[in-house]
Amino acid sequence: MHIVGNILVALVAALHVYFLVLEMFLWTRPYGLKTFGNTLQKAQDSAVLAANQGLYNGFLAAGLIWGLLHAAPAFAFQLKVFFLLCVIAAGLYGAYSVSRKILFVQAVPAAIALIVVWLG
């Protein structure tokens, strides 16, 4: 169960690295426009905000990776739980304020990972 939990944490971290790339580097590119359903004008107008949001997603990924790599098992567990809870909170707020899709793309995977980590 411990290995499965770490795999799920790694997948959530990878998702957040992907979000970072989308929001910081691809926001105004065709792939980013299609992914978020934006017009070029809307994307250009919000690019700075999207980049900031991408940076925060990078911090979430970094915290999860830190939890995966930390040598002390008890502290690694605390890091993973804390950062998964942060991802869940961000996903819940995003689902409330932006799109319900964020619930399923961000919060649900983190919640599943949290349950498995906790059980492991």
PDB file of N, CA and C in Angstrom:
ATOM      1  N   MET A   1       0.829  -1.196   0.000  1.00  0.00           N
ATOM      2  CA  MET A   1       0.000   0.000   0.000  1.00  0.00           C
ATOM      3  C   MET A   1       0.869   1.254   0.000  1.00  0.00           C
ATOM      4  N   HIS A   2       2.014   1.171   0.663  1.00  0.00           N
ATOM      5  CA  HIS A   2       2.926   2.313   0.730  1.00  0.00           C
ATOM      6  C   HIS A   2       3.429   2.687  -0.673  1.00  0.00           C
ATOM      7  N   ILE A   3       3.768   1.688  -1.465  1.00  0.00           N
ATOM      8  CA  ILE A   3       4.271   1.931  -2.817  1.00  0.00           C
ATOM      9  C   ILE A   3       3.174   2.533  -3.696  1.00  0.00           C
ATOM     10  N   VAL A   4       1.964   2.009  -3.576  1.00  0.00           N
ATOM     11  CA  VAL A   4       0.835   2.542  -4.350  1.00  0.00           C
ATOM     12  C   VAL A   4       0.583   4.001  -3.971  1.00  0.00           C
ATOM     13  N   GLY A   5       0.644   4.298  -2.677  1.00  0.00           N
ATOM     14  CA  GLY A   5       0.473   5.682  -2.223  1.00  0.00           C
ATOM     15  C   GLY A   5       1.515   6.605  -2.829  1.00  0.00           C
ATOM     16  N   ASN A   6       2.764   6.157  -2.844  1.00  0.00           N
ATOM     17  CA  ASN A   6       3.826   6.981  -3.423  1.00  0.00           C
ATOM     18  C   ASN A   6       3.649   7.164  -4.930  1.00  0.00           C
ATOM     19  N   ILE A   7       3.174   6.137  -5.600  1.00  0.00           N
ATOM     20  CA  ILE A   7       2.911   6.260  -7.033  1.00  0.00           C
ATOM     21  C   ILE A   7       1.812   7.299  -7.273  1.00  0.00           C
ATOM     22  N   LEU A   8       0.760   7.261  -6.461  1.00  0.00           N
ATOM     23  CA  LEU A   8      -0.328   8.232  -6.610  1.00  0.00           C
ATOM     24  C   LEU A   8       0.143   9.649  -6.290  1.00  0.00           C
ATOM     25  N   VAL A   9       0.965   9.789  -5.272  1.00  0.00           N
ATOM     26  CA  VAL A   9       1.527  11.116  -4.950  1.00  0.00           C
ATOM     27  C   VAL A   9       2.367  11.613  -6.123  1.00  0.00           C
ATOM     28  N   ALA A  10       3.167  10.727  -6.704  1.00  0.00           N
ATOM     29  CA  ALA A  10       3.988  11.111  -7.851  1.00  0.00           C
ATOM     30  C   ALA A  10       3.113  11.532  -9.033  1.00  0.00           C
ATOM     31  N   LEU A  11       1.996  10.841  -9.235  1.00  0.00           N
ATOM     32  CA  LEU A  11       1.084  11.222 -10.321  1.00  0.00           C
ATOM     33  C   LEU A  11       0.456  12.591 -10.075  1.00  0.00           C
ATOM     34  N   VAL A  12       0.070  12.864  -8.822  1.00  0.00           N
ATOM     35  CA  VAL A  12      -0.481  14.186  -8.495  1.00  0.00           C
ATOM     36  C   VAL A  12       0.591  15.259  -8.696  1.00  0.00           C
ATOM     37  N   ALA A  13       1.818  14.960  -8.296  1.00  0.00           N
ATOM     38  CA  ALA A  13       2.919  15.919  -8.516  1.00  0.00           C
ATOM     39  C   ALA A  13       3.125  16.151 -10.007  1.00  0.00           C
ATOM     40  N   ALA A  14       3.091  15.082 -10.800  1.00  0.00           N
ATOM     41  CA  ALA A  14       3.269  15.219 -12.243  1.00  0.00           C
ATOM     42  C   ALA A  14       2.147  16.057 -12.861  1.00  0.00           C
ATOM     43  N   LEU A  15       0.922  15.856 -12.382  1.00  0.00           N
ATOM     44  CA  LEU A  15      -0.196  16.683 -12.852  1.00  0.00           C
ATOM     45  C   LEU A  15       0.089  18.159 -12.610  1.00  0.00           C
ATOM     46  N   HIS A  16       0.640  18.469 -11.446  1.00  0.00           N
ATOM     47  CA  HIS A  16       0.884  19.870 -11.104  1.00  0.00           C
ATOM     48  C   HIS A  16       2.062  20.455 -11.871  1.00  0.00           C
ATOM     49  N   VAL A  17       3.021  19.630 -12.230  1.00  0.00           N
ATOM     50  CA  VAL A  17       4.082  20.097 -13.127  1.00  0.00           C
ATOM     51  C   VAL A  17       3.470  20.397 -14.498  1.00  0.00           C
ATOM     52  N   TYR A  18       2.566  19.536 -14.946  1.00  0.00           N
ATOM     53  CA  TYR A  18       1.849  19.749 -16.206  1.00  0.00           C
ATOM     54  C   TYR A  18       1.046  21.048 -16.158  1.00  0.00           C
ATOM     55  N   PHE A  19       0.339  21.280 -15.031  1.00  0.00           N
ATOM     56  CA  PHE A  19      -0.416  22.528 -14.882  1.00  0.00           C
ATOM     57  C   PHE A  19       0.520  23.731 -14.942  1.00  0.00           C
ATOM     58  N   LEU A  20       1.689  23.615 -14.305  1.00  0.00           N
ATOM     59  CA  LEU A  20       2.680  24.693 -14.328  1.00  0.00           C
ATOM     60  C   LEU A  20       3.053  25.011 -15.772  1.00  0.00           C
ATOM     61  N   VAL A  21       3.373  23.987 -16.550  1.00  0.00           N
ATOM     62  CA  VAL A  21       3.774  24.201 -17.941  1.00  0.00           C
ATOM     63  C   VAL A  21       2.637  24.836 -18.743  1.00  0.00           C
ATOM     64  N   LEU A  22       1.430  24.303 -18.572  1.00  0.00           N
ATOM     65  CA  LEU A  22       0.277  24.862 -19.285  1.00  0.00           C
ATOM     66  C   LEU A  22       0.071  26.343 -18.959  1.00  0.00           C
ATOM     67  N   GLU A  23       0.109  26.669 -17.681  1.00  0.00           N
ATOM     68  CA  GLU A  23      -0.236  28.022 -17.249  1.00  0.00           C
ATOM     69  C   GLU A  23       0.902  29.027 -17.414  1.00  0.00           C
ATOM     70  N   MET A  24       2.136  28.559 -17.309  1.00  0.00           N
ATOM     71  CA  MET A  24       3.262  29.492 -17.405  1.00  0.00           C
ATOM     72  C   MET A  24       3.805  29.627 -18.823  1.00  0.00           C
ATOM     73  N   PHE A  25       3.747  28.553 -19.605  1.00  0.00           N
ATOM     74  CA  PHE A  25       4.432  28.566 -20.895  1.00  0.00           C
ATOM     75  C   PHE A  25       3.519  28.354 -22.107  1.00  0.00           C
ATOM     76  N   LEU A  26       2.367  27.728 -21.908  1.00  0.00           N
ATOM     77  CA  LEU A  26       1.502  27.409 -23.044  1.00  0.00           C
ATOM     78  C   LEU A  26       0.183  28.168 -23.040  1.00  0.00           C
ATOM     79  N   TRP A  27      -0.004  29.059 -22.091  1.00  0.00           N
ATOM     80  CA  TRP A  27      -1.274  29.763 -21.902  1.00  0.00           C
ATOM     81  C   TRP A  27      -1.760  30.452 -23.174  1.00  0.00           C
ATOM     82  N   THR A  28      -0.870  31.123 -23.892  1.00  0.00           N
ATOM     83  CA  THR A  28      -1.259  31.872 -25.092  1.00  0.00           C
ATOM     84  C   THR A  28      -0.950  31.109 -26.389  1.00  0.00           C
ATOM     85  N   ARG A  29      -0.508  29.874 -26.265  1.00  0.00           N
ATOM     86  CA  ARG A  29      -0.209  29.038 -27.445  1.00  0.00           C
ATOM     87  C   ARG A  29      -1.460  28.249 -27.830  1.00  0.00           C
ATOM     88  N   PRO A  30      -1.507  27.721 -29.037  1.00  0.00           N
ATOM     89  CA  PRO A  30      -2.703  26.988 -29.473  1.00  0.00           C
ATOM     90  C   PRO A  30      -3.140  25.876 -28.521  1.00  0.00           C
ATOM     91  N   TYR A  31      -2.191  25.113 -27.993  1.00  0.00           N
ATOM     92  CA  TYR A  31      -2.561  24.031 -27.066  1.00  0.00           C
ATOM     93  C   TYR A  31      -3.187  24.583 -25.788  1.00  0.00           C
ATOM     94  N   GLY A  32      -2.608  25.636 -25.252  1.00  0.00           N
ATOM     95  CA  GLY A  32      -3.154  26.260 -24.046  1.00  0.00           C
ATOM     96  C   GLY A  32      -4.515  26.884 -24.295  1.00  0.00           C
ATOM     97  N   LEU A  33      -4.666  27.547 -25.441  1.00  0.00           N
ATOM     98  CA  LEU A  33      -5.956  28.155 -25.781  1.00  0.00           C
ATOM     99  C   LEU A  33      -7.035  27.084 -25.878  1.00  0.00           C
ATOM    100  N   LYS A  34      -6.709  25.966 -26.522  1.00  0.00           N
ATOM    101  CA  LYS A  34      -7.672  24.874 -26.669  1.00  0.00           C
ATOM    102  C   LYS A  34      -7.984  24.235 -25.314  1.00  0.00           C
ATOM    103  N   THR A  35      -6.963  24.001 -24.518  1.00  0.00           N
ATOM    104  CA  THR A  35      -7.142  23.348 -23.215  1.00  0.00           C
ATOM    105  C   THR A  35      -8.078  24.142 -22.313  1.00  0.00           C
ATOM    106  N   PHE A  36      -7.900  25.455 -22.283  1.00  0.00           N
ATOM    107  CA  PHE A  36      -8.685  26.290 -21.379  1.00  0.00           C
ATOM    108  C   PHE A  36      -9.870  26.976 -22.060  1.00  0.00           C
ATOM    109  N   GLY A  37     -10.032  26.764 -23.356  1.00  0.00           N
ATOM    110  CA  GLY A  37     -11.163  27.350 -24.070  1.00  0.00           C
ATOM    111  C   GLY A  37     -11.113  28.864 -24.122  1.00  0.00           C
ATOM    112  N   ASN A  38      -9.909  29.410 -24.196  1.00  0.00           N
ATOM    113  CA  ASN A  38      -9.739  30.869 -24.226  1.00  0.00           C
ATOM    114  C   ASN A  38      -9.554  31.372 -25.645  1.00  0.00           C
ATOM    115  N   THR A  39      -9.918  32.618 -25.855  1.00  0.00           N
ATOM    116  CA  THR A  39      -9.521  33.313 -27.077  1.00  0.00           C
ATOM    117  C   THR A  39      -8.105  33.826 -26.852  1.00  0.00           C
ATOM    118  N   LEU A  40      -7.426  34.149 -27.939  1.00  0.00           N
ATOM    119  CA  LEU A  40      -6.071  34.684 -27.803  1.00  0.00           C
ATOM    120  C   LEU A  40      -6.085  35.977 -26.992  1.00  0.00           C
ATOM    121  N   GLN A  41      -7.061  36.852 -27.238  1.00  0.00           N
ATOM    122  CA  GLN A  41      -7.135  38.116 -26.506  1.00  0.00           C
ATOM    123  C   GLN A  41      -7.325  37.881 -25.007  1.00  0.00           C
ATOM    124  N   LYS A  42      -8.252  36.990 -24.655  1.00  0.00           N
ATOM    125  CA  LYS A  42      -8.485  36.697 -23.237  1.00  0.00           C
ATOM    126  C   LYS A  42      -7.236  36.093 -22.596  1.00  0.00           C
ATOM    127  N   ALA A  43      -6.563  35.217 -23.323  1.00  0.00           N
ATOM    128  CA  ALA A  43      -5.346  34.596 -22.794  1.00  0.00           C
ATOM    129  C   ALA A  43      -4.238  35.636 -22.603  1.00  0.00           C
ATOM    130  N   GLN A  44      -4.089  36.526 -23.568  1.00  0.00           N
ATOM    131  CA  GLN A  44      -3.067  37.569 -23.435  1.00  0.00           C
ATOM    132  C   GLN A  44      -3.375  38.486 -22.263  1.00  0.00           C
ATOM    133  N   ASP A  45      -4.634  38.804 -22.073  1.00  0.00           N
ATOM    134  CA  ASP A  45      -5.039  39.681 -20.969  1.00  0.00           C
ATOM    135  C   ASP A  45      -4.822  39.042 -19.606  1.00  0.00           C
ATOM    136  N   SER A  46      -4.888  37.731 -19.543  1.00  0.00           N
ATOM    137  CA  SER A  46      -4.780  37.035 -18.253  1.00  0.00           C
ATOM    138  C   SER A  46      -3.479  36.255 -18.094  1.00  0.00           C
ATOM    139  N   ALA A  47      -2.533  36.439 -18.992  1.00  0.00           N
ATOM    140  CA  ALA A  47      -1.304  35.645 -18.989  1.00  0.00           C
ATOM    141  C   ALA A  47      -0.502  35.794 -17.698  1.00  0.00           C
ATOM    142  N   VAL A  48      -0.417  36.988 -17.161  1.00  0.00           N
ATOM    143  CA  VAL A  48       0.353  37.191 -15.929  1.00  0.00           C
ATOM    144  C   VAL A  48      -0.310  36.454 -14.758  1.00  0.00           C
ATOM    145  N   LEU A  49      -1.628  36.515 -14.700  1.00  0.00           N
ATOM    146  CA  LEU A  49      -2.345  35.792 -13.642  1.00  0.00           C
ATOM    147  C   LEU A  49      -2.171  34.287 -13.792  1.00  0.00           C
ATOM    148  N   ALA A  50      -2.241  33.805 -15.020  1.00  0.00           N
ATOM    149  CA  ALA A  50      -2.077  32.372 -15.268  1.00  0.00           C
ATOM    150  C   ALA A  50      -0.667  31.916 -14.888  1.00  0.00           C
ATOM    151  N   ALA A  51       0.319  32.717 -15.211  1.00  0.00           N
ATOM    152  CA  ALA A  51       1.701  32.365 -14.860  1.00  0.00           C
ATOM    153  C   ALA A  51       1.872  32.295 -13.345  1.00  0.00           C
ATOM    154  N   ASN A  52       1.259  33.212 -12.637  1.00  0.00           N
ATOM    155  CA  ASN A  52       1.313  33.194 -11.178  1.00  0.00           C
ATOM    156  C   ASN A  52       0.655  31.928 -10.641  1.00  0.00           C
ATOM    157  N   GLN A  53      -0.483  31.576 -11.204  1.00  0.00           N
ATOM    158  CA  GLN A  53      -1.183  30.361 -10.806  1.00  0.00           C
ATOM    159  C   GLN A  53      -0.323  29.134 -11.114  1.00  0.00           C
ATOM    160  N   GLY A  54       0.344  29.142 -12.261  1.00  0.00           N
ATOM    161  CA  GLY A  54       1.235  28.040 -12.615  1.00  0.00           C
ATOM    162  C   GLY A  54       2.375  27.896 -11.627  1.00  0.00           C
ATOM    163  N   LEU A  55       2.905  29.019 -11.178  1.00  0.00           N
ATOM    164  CA  LEU A  55       3.981  28.981 -10.196  1.00  0.00           C
ATOM    165  C   LEU A  55       3.513  28.305  -8.906  1.00  0.00           C
ATOM    166  N   TYR A  56       2.308  28.642  -8.459  1.00  0.00           N
ATOM    167  CA  TYR A  56       1.764  28.011  -7.259  1.00  0.00           C
ATOM    168  C   TYR A  56       1.584  26.510  -7.461  1.00  0.00           C
ATOM    169  N   ASN A  57       1.163  26.109  -8.654  1.00  0.00           N
ATOM    170  CA  ASN A  57       1.060  24.681  -8.930  1.00  0.00           C
ATOM    171  C   ASN A  57       2.431  24.017  -8.864  1.00  0.00           C
ATOM    172  N   GLY A  58       3.452  24.735  -9.283  1.00  0.00           N
ATOM    173  CA  GLY A  58       4.816  24.228  -9.165  1.00  0.00           C
ATOM    174  C   GLY A  58       5.238  24.035  -7.717  1.00  0.00           C
ATOM    175  N   PHE A  59       4.819  24.961  -6.854  1.00  0.00           N
ATOM    176  CA  PHE A  59       5.131  24.812  -5.433  1.00  0.00           C
ATOM    177  C   PHE A  59       4.457  23.571  -4.850  1.00  0.00           C
ATOM    178  N   LEU A  60       3.220  23.313  -5.267  1.00  0.00           N
ATOM    179  CA  LEU A  60       2.531  22.110  -4.798  1.00  0.00           C
ATOM    180  C   LEU A  60       3.270  20.861  -5.263  1.00  0.00           C
ATOM    181  N   ALA A  61       3.689  20.847  -6.514  1.00  0.00           N
ATOM    182  CA  ALA A  61       4.443  19.710  -7.037  1.00  0.00           C
ATOM    183  C   ALA A  61       5.756  19.535  -6.276  1.00  0.00           C
ATOM    184  N   ALA A  62       6.449  20.636  -6.020  1.00  0.00           N
ATOM    185  CA  ALA A  62       7.721  20.568  -5.302  1.00  0.00           C
ATOM    186  C   ALA A  62       7.535  19.999  -3.899  1.00  0.00           C
ATOM    187  N   GLY A  63       6.479  20.407  -3.221  1.00  0.00           N
ATOM    188  CA  GLY A  63       6.221  19.870  -1.883  1.00  0.00           C
ATOM    189  C   GLY A  63       5.933  18.383  -1.902  1.00  0.00           C
ATOM    190  N   LEU A  64       5.170  17.939  -2.888  1.00  0.00           N
ATOM    191  CA  LEU A  64       4.875  16.505  -2.997  1.00  0.00           C
ATOM    192  C   LEU A  64       6.136  15.713  -3.321  1.00  0.00           C
ATOM    193  N   ILE A  65       6.967  16.249  -4.195  1.00  0.00           N
ATOM    194  CA  ILE A  65       8.231  15.576  -4.529  1.00  0.00           C
ATOM    195  C   ILE A  65       9.152  15.537  -3.316  1.00  0.00           C
ATOM    196  N   TRP A  66       9.178  16.611  -2.558  1.00  0.00           N
ATOM    197  CA  TRP A  66       9.950  16.645  -1.310  1.00  0.00           C
ATOM    198  C   TRP A  66       9.485  15.513  -0.392  1.00  0.00           C
ATOM    199  N   GLY A  67       8.172  15.355  -0.266  1.00  0.00           N
ATOM    200  CA  GLY A  67       7.638  14.274   0.555  1.00  0.00           C
ATOM    201  C   GLY A  67       8.043  12.904   0.046  1.00  0.00           C
ATOM    202  N   LEU A  68       8.124  12.741  -1.252  1.00  0.00           N
ATOM    203  CA  LEU A  68       8.532  11.454  -1.816  1.00  0.00           C
ATOM    204  C   LEU A  68      10.011  11.170  -1.592  1.00  0.00           C
ATOM    205  N   LEU A  69      10.823  12.216  -1.553  1.00  0.00           N
ATOM    206  CA  LEU A  69      12.273  12.035  -1.476  1.00  0.00           C
ATOM    207  C   LEU A  69      12.854  12.130  -0.073  1.00  0.00           C
ATOM    208  N   HIS A  70      12.097  12.634   0.875  1.00  0.00           N
ATOM    209  CA  HIS A  70      12.650  12.839   2.214  1.00  0.00           C
ATOM    210  C   HIS A  70      13.005  11.502   2.857  1.00  0.00           C
ATOM    211  N   ALA A  71      14.155  11.467   3.522  1.00  0.00           N
ATOM    212  CA  ALA A  71      14.674  10.217   4.089  1.00  0.00           C
ATOM    213  C   ALA A  71      13.970   9.772   5.371  1.00  0.00           C
ATOM    214  N   ALA A  72      13.399  10.708   6.113  1.00  0.00           N
ATOM    215  CA  ALA A  72      12.735  10.360   7.377  1.00  0.00           C
ATOM    216  C   ALA A  72      11.271  10.013   7.091  1.00  0.00           C
ATOM    217  N   PRO A  73      10.888   8.750   7.244  1.00  0.00           N
ATOM    218  CA  PRO A  73       9.536   8.327   6.871  1.00  0.00           C
ATOM    219  C   PRO A  73       8.410   9.116   7.549  1.00  0.00           C
ATOM    220  N   ALA A  74       8.550   9.419   8.819  1.00  0.00           N
ATOM    221  CA  ALA A  74       7.473  10.136   9.519  1.00  0.00           C
ATOM    222  C   ALA A  74       7.307  11.546   8.960  1.00  0.00           C
ATOM    223  N   PHE A  75       8.429  12.231   8.703  1.00  0.00           N
ATOM    224  CA  PHE A  75       8.343  13.577   8.155  1.00  0.00           C
ATOM    225  C   PHE A  75       7.872  13.543   6.708  1.00  0.00           C
ATOM    226  N   ALA A  76       8.319  12.547   5.948  1.00  0.00           N
ATOM    227  CA  ALA A  76       7.872  12.395   4.559  1.00  0.00           C
ATOM    228  C   ALA A  76       6.352  12.219   4.517  1.00  0.00           C
ATOM    229  N   PHE A  77       5.817  11.437   5.436  1.00  0.00           N
ATOM    230  CA  PHE A  77       4.370  11.231   5.527  1.00  0.00           C
ATOM    231  C   PHE A  77       3.671  12.562   5.792  1.00  0.00           C
ATOM    232  N   GLN A  78       4.194  13.341   6.733  1.00  0.00           N
ATOM    233  CA  GLN A  78       3.590  14.633   7.055  1.00  0.00           C
ATOM    234  C   GLN A  78       3.626  15.583   5.857  1.00  0.00           C
ATOM    235  N   LEU A  79       4.725  15.591   5.140  1.00  0.00           N
ATOM    236  CA  LEU A  79       4.826  16.440   3.950  1.00  0.00           C
ATOM    237  C   LEU A  79       3.790  16.041   2.909  1.00  0.00           C
ATOM    238  N   LYS A  80       3.693  14.750   2.646  1.00  0.00           N
ATOM    239  CA  LYS A  80       2.732  14.285   1.641  1.00  0.00           C
ATOM    240  C   LYS A  80       1.305  14.628   2.049  1.00  0.00           C
ATOM    241  N   VAL A  81       0.971  14.400   3.307  1.00  0.00           N
ATOM    242  CA  VAL A  81      -0.382  14.714   3.777  1.00  0.00           C
ATOM    243  C   VAL A  81      -0.654  16.213   3.666  1.00  0.00           C
ATOM    244  N   PHE A  82       0.281  17.029   4.130  1.00  0.00           N
ATOM    245  CA  PHE A  82       0.083  18.484   4.080  1.00  0.00           C
ATOM    246  C   PHE A  82      -0.123  18.969   2.648  1.00  0.00           C
ATOM    247  N   PHE A  83       0.766  18.571   1.734  1.00  0.00           N
ATOM    248  CA  PHE A  83       0.668  19.079   0.372  1.00  0.00           C
ATOM    249  C   PHE A  83      -0.524  18.485  -0.382  1.00  0.00           C
ATOM    250  N   LEU A  84      -0.908  17.249  -0.075  1.00  0.00           N
ATOM    251  CA  LEU A  84      -2.130  16.713  -0.681  1.00  0.00           C
ATOM    252  C   LEU A  84      -3.354  17.483  -0.186  1.00  0.00           C
ATOM    253  N   LEU A  85      -3.377  17.837   1.090  1.00  0.00           N
ATOM    254  CA  LEU A  85      -4.481  18.659   1.604  1.00  0.00           C
ATOM    255  C   LEU A  85      -4.505  20.031   0.928  1.00  0.00           C
ATOM    256  N   CYS A  86      -3.326  20.595   0.666  1.00  0.00           N
ATOM    257  CA  CYS A  86      -3.265  21.879  -0.052  1.00  0.00           C
ATOM    258  C   CYS A  86      -3.822  21.730  -1.462  1.00  0.00           C
ATOM    259  N   VAL A  87      -3.478  20.643  -2.137  1.00  0.00           N
ATOM    260  CA  VAL A  87      -3.995  20.397  -3.487  1.00  0.00           C
ATOM    261  C   VAL A  87      -5.515  20.249  -3.446  1.00  0.00           C
ATOM    262  N   ILE A  88      -6.011  19.508  -2.463  1.00  0.00           N
ATOM    263  CA  ILE A  88      -7.463  19.325  -2.334  1.00  0.00           C
ATOM    264  C   ILE A  88      -8.144  20.667  -2.103  1.00  0.00           C
ATOM    265  N   ALA A  89      -7.590  21.480  -1.210  1.00  0.00           N
ATOM    266  CA  ALA A  89      -8.172  22.805  -0.937  1.00  0.00           C
ATOM    267  C   ALA A  89      -8.180  23.659  -2.206  1.00  0.00           C
ATOM    268  N   ALA A  90      -7.075  23.655  -2.936  1.00  0.00           N
ATOM    269  CA  ALA A  90      -7.004  24.435  -4.179  1.00  0.00           C
ATOM    270  C   ALA A  90      -8.013  23.907  -5.197  1.00  0.00           C
ATOM    271  N   GLY A  91      -8.148  22.601  -5.277  1.00  0.00           N
ATOM    272  CA  GLY A  91      -9.103  22.008  -6.209  1.00  0.00           C
ATOM    273  C   GLY A  91     -10.541  22.319  -5.853  1.00  0.00           C
ATOM    274  N   LEU A  92     -10.847  22.297  -4.567  1.00  0.00           N
ATOM    275  CA  LEU A  92     -12.203  22.628  -4.136  1.00  0.00           C
ATOM    276  C   LEU A  92     -12.530  24.089  -4.432  1.00  0.00           C
ATOM    277  N   TYR A  93     -11.578  24.962  -4.155  1.00  0.00           N
ATOM    278  CA  TYR A  93     -11.821  26.379  -4.436  1.00  0.00           C
ATOM    279  C   TYR A  93     -11.926  26.621  -5.939  1.00  0.00           C
ATOM    280  N   GLY A  94     -11.070  25.973  -6.709  1.00  0.00           N
ATOM    281  CA  GLY A  94     -11.142  26.115  -8.162  1.00  0.00           C
ATOM    282  C   GLY A  94     -12.459  25.600  -8.714  1.00  0.00           C
ATOM    283  N   ALA A  95     -12.959  24.500  -8.156  1.00  0.00           N
ATOM    284  CA  ALA A  95     -14.247  23.959  -8.593  1.00  0.00           C
ATOM    285  C   ALA A  95     -15.379  24.921  -8.255  1.00  0.00           C
ATOM    286  N   TYR A  96     -15.274  25.574  -7.120  1.00  0.00           N
ATOM    287  CA  TYR A  96     -16.283  26.543  -6.694  1.00  0.00           C
ATOM    288  C   TYR A  96     -16.222  27.823  -7.521  1.00  0.00           C
ATOM    289  N   SER A  97     -15.007  28.310  -7.781  1.00  0.00           N
ATOM    290  CA  SER A  97     -14.856  29.641  -8.355  1.00  0.00           C
ATOM    291  C   SER A  97     -14.625  29.675  -9.871  1.00  0.00           C
ATOM    292  N   VAL A  98     -14.181  28.571 -10.451  1.00  0.00           N
ATOM    293  CA  VAL A  98     -13.837  28.588 -11.870  1.00  0.00           C
ATOM    294  C   VAL A  98     -14.636  27.562 -12.672  1.00  0.00           C
ATOM    295  N   SER A  99     -14.464  26.279 -12.323  1.00  0.00           N
ATOM    296  CA  SER A  99     -15.107  25.222 -13.102  1.00  0.00           C
ATOM    297  C   SER A  99     -15.200  23.946 -12.266  1.00  0.00           C
ATOM    298  N   ARG A 100     -16.341  23.280 -12.321  1.00  0.00           N
ATOM    299  CA  ARG A 100     -16.508  22.015 -11.591  1.00  0.00           C
ATOM    300  C   ARG A 100     -15.517  20.964 -12.071  1.00  0.00           C
ATOM    301  N   LYS A 101     -15.051  21.103 -13.292  1.00  0.00           N
ATOM    302  CA  LYS A 101     -14.080  20.160 -13.854  1.00  0.00           C
ATOM    303  C   LYS A 101     -12.829  20.068 -12.977  1.00  0.00           C
ATOM    304  N   ILE A 102     -12.447  21.175 -12.350  1.00  0.00           N
ATOM    305  CA  ILE A 102     -11.250  21.207 -11.509  1.00  0.00           C
ATOM    306  C   ILE A 102     -11.383  20.233 -10.336  1.00  0.00           C
ATOM    307  N   LEU A 103     -12.590  20.033  -9.865  1.00  0.00           N
ATOM    308  CA  LEU A 103     -12.818  19.067  -8.795  1.00  0.00           C
ATOM    309  C   LEU A 103     -12.296  17.692  -9.191  1.00  0.00           C
ATOM    310  N   PHE A 104     -12.602  17.286 -10.414  1.00  0.00           N
ATOM    311  CA  PHE A 104     -12.244  15.948 -10.872  1.00  0.00           C
ATOM    312  C   PHE A 104     -10.812  15.847 -11.383  1.00  0.00           C
ATOM    313  N   VAL A 105     -10.272  16.948 -11.871  1.00  0.00           N
ATOM    314  CA  VAL A 105      -8.912  16.944 -12.409  1.00  0.00           C
ATOM    315  C   VAL A 105      -7.877  17.128 -11.302  1.00  0.00           C
ATOM    316  N   GLN A 106      -8.218  17.877 -10.258  1.00  0.00           N
ATOM    317  CA  GLN A 106      -7.241  18.222  -9.229  1.00  0.00           C
ATOM    318  C   GLN A 106      -7.580  17.638  -7.867  1.00  0.00           C
ATOM    319  N   ALA A 107      -8.782  17.901  -7.358  1.00  0.00           N
ATOM    320  CA  ALA A 107      -9.101  17.520  -5.981  1.00  0.00           C
ATOM    321  C   ALA A 107      -9.299  16.008  -5.817  1.00  0.00           C
ATOM    322  N   VAL A 108     -10.018  15.378  -6.724  1.00  0.00           N
ATOM    323  CA  VAL A 108     -10.296  13.944  -6.574  1.00  0.00           C
ATOM    324  C   VAL A 108      -9.021  13.103  -6.630  1.00  0.00           C
ATOM    325  N   PRO A 109      -8.114  13.319  -7.604  1.00  0.00           N
ATOM    326  CA  PRO A 109      -6.875  12.524  -7.573  1.00  0.00           C
ATOM    327  C   PRO A 109      -6.077  12.715  -6.283  1.00  0.00           C
ATOM    328  N   ALA A 110      -6.037  13.938  -5.786  1.00  0.00           N
ATOM    329  CA  ALA A 110      -5.314  14.198  -4.535  1.00  0.00           C
ATOM    330  C   ALA A 110      -6.003  13.529  -3.353  1.00  0.00           C
ATOM    331  N   ALA A 111      -7.330  13.526  -3.343  1.00  0.00           N
ATOM    332  CA  ALA A 111      -8.066  12.874  -2.256  1.00  0.00           C
ATOM    333  C   ALA A 111      -7.832  11.365  -2.269  1.00  0.00           C
ATOM    334  N   ILE A 112      -7.826  10.784  -3.444  1.00  0.00           N
ATOM    335  CA  ILE A 112      -7.547   9.341  -3.546  1.00  0.00           C
ATOM    336  C   ILE A 112      -6.129   9.051  -3.059  1.00  0.00           C
ATOM    337  N   ALA A 113      -5.171   9.869  -3.504  1.00  0.00           N
ATOM    338  CA  ALA A 113      -3.786   9.694  -3.049  1.00  0.00           C
ATOM    339  C   ALA A 113      -3.685   9.845  -1.539  1.00  0.00           C
ATOM    340  N   LEU A 114      -4.384  10.819  -0.978  1.00  0.00           N
ATOM    341  CA  LEU A 114      -4.347  11.036   0.475  1.00  0.00           C
ATOM    342  C   LEU A 114      -4.881   9.820   1.216  1.00  0.00           C
ATOM    343  N   ILE A 115      -5.976   9.271   0.765  1.00  0.00           N
ATOM    344  CA  ILE A 115      -6.557   8.087   1.415  1.00  0.00           C
ATOM    345  C   ILE A 115      -5.567   6.919   1.386  1.00  0.00           C
ATOM    346  N   VAL A 116      -4.966   6.696   0.220  1.00  0.00           N
ATOM    347  CA  VAL A 116      -4.028   5.576   0.091  1.00  0.00           C
ATOM    348  C   VAL A 116      -2.766   5.820   0.923  1.00  0.00           C
ATOM    349  N   VAL A 117      -2.249   7.039   0.923  1.00  0.00           N
ATOM    350  CA  VAL A 117      -1.091   7.365   1.768  1.00  0.00           C
ATOM    351  C   VAL A 117      -1.436   7.139   3.233  1.00  0.00           C
ATOM    352  N   TRP A 118      -2.584   7.593   3.643  1.00  0.00           N
ATOM    353  CA  TRP A 118      -3.008   7.451   5.041  1.00  0.00           C
ATOM    354  C   TRP A 118      -3.126   5.971   5.431  1.00  0.00           C
ATOM    355  N   LEU A 119      -3.668   5.157   4.532  1.00  0.00           N
ATOM    356  CA  LEU A 119      -3.830   3.734   4.804  1.00  0.00           C
ATOM    357  C   LEU A 119      -2.504   2.969   4.743  1.00  0.00           C
ATOM    358  N   GLY A 120      -1.547   3.544   4.002  1.00  0.00           N
ATOM    359  CA  GLY A 120      -0.246   2.877   3.846  1.00  0.00           C
ATOM    360  C   GLY A 120       0.590   3.013   5.073  1.00  0.00           C
TER     361      GLY A 120
END
